[in-house]
């Protein structure tokens, strides 16, 4: 779970359907389901453990990074609107040696830190 700008709660759930969602913090209302499908039709699903949303005014604004188990991967997707672009993958880090247990953007939101069982990966310029 991540809270963005004190307004939006982004949640990732370890389930196949409706796994990535955004909520209004004030009312608790569901704002949107962010599509989270397997990367390819024959690929296993990535069941979420971690999410991190970009902050307004940064290069990561309107983007969500999410990762987990199954397909041990991290994807950065668009999550800033209700159009068909919502959920569109912008970047993907796949083939990780273990599940993703945590995510964090650096202070200026240009790098993503990906926490796996035995390593922390630092990813530059993912979008």
Protein backbone atom coordinates (compact mmCIF):
# COMPACT_ATOMS: atom_id res chain seq x y z
CA UNK A 1 0.00 0.00 0.00
CA UNK A 2 1.19 3.53 -0.74
CA UNK A 3 -0.36 6.94 -0.09
CA UNK A 4 0.33 9.59 -2.74
CA UNK A 5 0.26 13.29 -1.90
CA UNK A 6 -2.07 12.60 1.03
CA UNK A 7 -4.94 11.98 -1.41
CA UNK A 8 -4.73 8.63 -3.17
CA UNK A 9 -4.13 5.19 -1.68
CA UNK A 10 -2.67 2.65 -4.12
CA UNK A 11 -3.08 -0.98 -3.07
CA UNK A 12 -1.61 -4.18 -4.42
CA UNK A 13 -3.19 -7.48 -3.52
CA UNK A 14 -1.79 -10.98 -3.90
CA UNK A 15 -4.64 -12.17 -6.13
CA UNK A 16 -5.25 -12.76 -9.83
CA UNK A 17 -8.04 -10.26 -10.45
CA UNK A 18 -8.41 -6.61 -9.46
CA UNK A 19 -4.95 -6.79 -7.89
CA UNK A 20 -3.94 -3.15 -8.41
CA UNK A 21 -6.36 -0.45 -7.27
CA UNK A 22 -6.46 3.22 -6.32
CA UNK A 23 -8.72 4.69 -3.66
CA UNK A 24 -9.72 8.18 -2.51
CA UNK A 25 -8.22 8.64 0.96
CA UNK A 26 -10.92 11.04 2.15
CA UNK A 27 -14.00 9.05 1.21
CA UNK A 28 -12.60 5.54 0.90
CA UNK A 29 -14.19 5.25 -2.55
CA UNK A 30 -12.57 3.14 -5.24
CA UNK A 31 -11.17 5.47 -7.91
CA UNK A 32 -10.00 2.88 -10.40
CA UNK A 33 -8.89 -0.64 -11.02
CA UNK A 34 -5.51 -0.43 -12.73
CA UNK A 35 -5.30 -3.33 -15.19
CA UNK A 36 -2.67 -5.85 -14.06
CA UNK A 37 -2.50 -8.72 -16.52
CA UNK A 38 0.25 -11.27 -17.19
CA UNK A 39 3.02 -9.80 -19.36
CA UNK A 40 2.23 -12.34 -22.11
CA UNK A 41 -0.78 -14.63 -22.72
CA UNK A 42 1.16 -17.75 -21.73
CA UNK A 43 3.09 -16.11 -18.83
CA UNK A 44 2.29 -16.82 -15.18
CA UNK A 45 0.66 -13.94 -13.32
CA UNK A 46 2.67 -11.70 -11.04
CA UNK A 47 0.87 -11.77 -7.67
CA UNK A 48 1.59 -8.49 -5.94
CA UNK A 49 3.49 -7.99 -2.69
CA UNK A 50 4.69 -4.41 -3.21
CA UNK A 51 3.48 -1.17 -4.80
CA UNK A 52 4.87 2.34 -4.98
CA UNK A 53 3.19 5.31 -6.65
CA UNK A 54 4.98 8.30 -8.15
CA UNK A 55 4.52 11.69 -6.54
CA UNK A 56 2.85 14.65 -8.20
CA UNK A 57 5.32 17.02 -9.85
CA UNK A 58 7.98 14.34 -10.33
CA UNK A 59 9.04 12.36 -13.38
CA UNK A 60 7.20 9.41 -11.88
CA UNK A 61 3.87 11.24 -11.52
CA UNK A 62 0.94 9.15 -12.72
CA UNK A 63 2.97 5.97 -12.62
CA UNK A 64 2.83 2.97 -10.31
CA UNK A 65 5.55 0.41 -9.77
CA UNK A 66 4.35 -3.01 -8.62
CA UNK A 67 5.93 -6.41 -8.17
CA UNK A 68 5.58 -9.72 -6.44
CA UNK A 69 5.76 -13.48 -6.84
CA UNK A 70 4.79 -16.01 -9.48
CA UNK A 71 6.33 -14.14 -12.36
CA UNK A 72 9.05 -12.54 -10.22
CA UNK A 73 9.01 -9.15 -11.84
CA UNK A 74 8.42 -5.44 -11.44
CA UNK A 75 6.40 -3.37 -13.86
CA UNK A 76 5.92 0.36 -14.02
CA UNK A 77 2.48 1.18 -15.42
CA UNK A 78 0.39 4.26 -16.11
CA UNK A 79 -2.25 4.82 -13.45
CA UNK A 80 -3.25 8.43 -13.92
CA UNK A 81 -6.52 8.15 -15.80
CA UNK A 82 -9.49 5.97 -16.77
CA UNK A 83 -8.61 5.67 -20.47
CA UNK A 84 -7.33 2.56 -22.18
CA UNK A 85 -3.81 3.81 -21.42
CA UNK A 86 -4.40 3.11 -17.72
CA UNK A 87 -2.37 0.02 -16.86
CA UNK A 88 -0.19 0.36 -19.95
CA UNK A 89 3.27 -0.97 -19.13
CA UNK A 90 6.06 1.60 -19.36
CA UNK A 91 8.87 -0.63 -18.11
CA UNK A 92 9.42 -4.18 -16.93
CA UNK A 93 12.18 -5.83 -14.93
CA UNK A 94 11.67 -9.59 -15.16
CA UNK A 95 13.56 -12.81 -14.55
CA UNK A 96 14.41 -11.79 -11.01
CA UNK A 97 15.85 -14.59 -8.85
CA UNK A 98 13.12 -14.26 -6.23
CA UNK A 99 9.87 -12.49 -5.49
CA UNK A 100 9.75 -8.73 -5.04
CA UNK A 101 9.12 -7.84 -1.39
CA UNK A 102 9.53 -4.06 -1.42
CA UNK A 103 9.79 -1.03 -3.69
CA UNK A 104 10.93 2.55 -3.15
CA UNK A 105 11.64 5.54 -5.33
CA UNK A 106 14.69 7.64 -4.52
CA UNK A 107 14.23 11.24 -3.31
CA UNK A 108 13.95 12.78 -6.79
CA UNK A 109 11.84 9.88 -8.13
CA UNK A 110 14.23 8.99 -10.94
CA UNK A 111 15.40 5.61 -9.65
CA UNK A 112 13.45 2.65 -8.35
CA UNK A 113 14.83 0.35 -5.65
CA UNK A 114 13.58 -3.23 -5.91
CA UNK A 115 13.93 -5.41 -2.80
CA UNK A 116 14.18 -9.16 -3.43
CA UNK A 117 15.07 -11.98 -1.01
CA UNK A 118 18.84 -11.72 -1.46
CA UNK A 119 19.45 -8.40 -3.22
CA UNK A 120 18.36 -4.83 -3.72
CA UNK A 121 18.32 -3.79 -7.37
CA UNK A 122 18.65 -0.11 -8.31
CA UNK A 123 16.94 0.70 -11.60
CA UNK A 124 17.65 3.94 -13.43
CA UNK A 125 15.43 5.59 -16.02
CA UNK A 126 12.57 3.10 -16.08
CA UNK A 127 10.16 5.40 -17.90
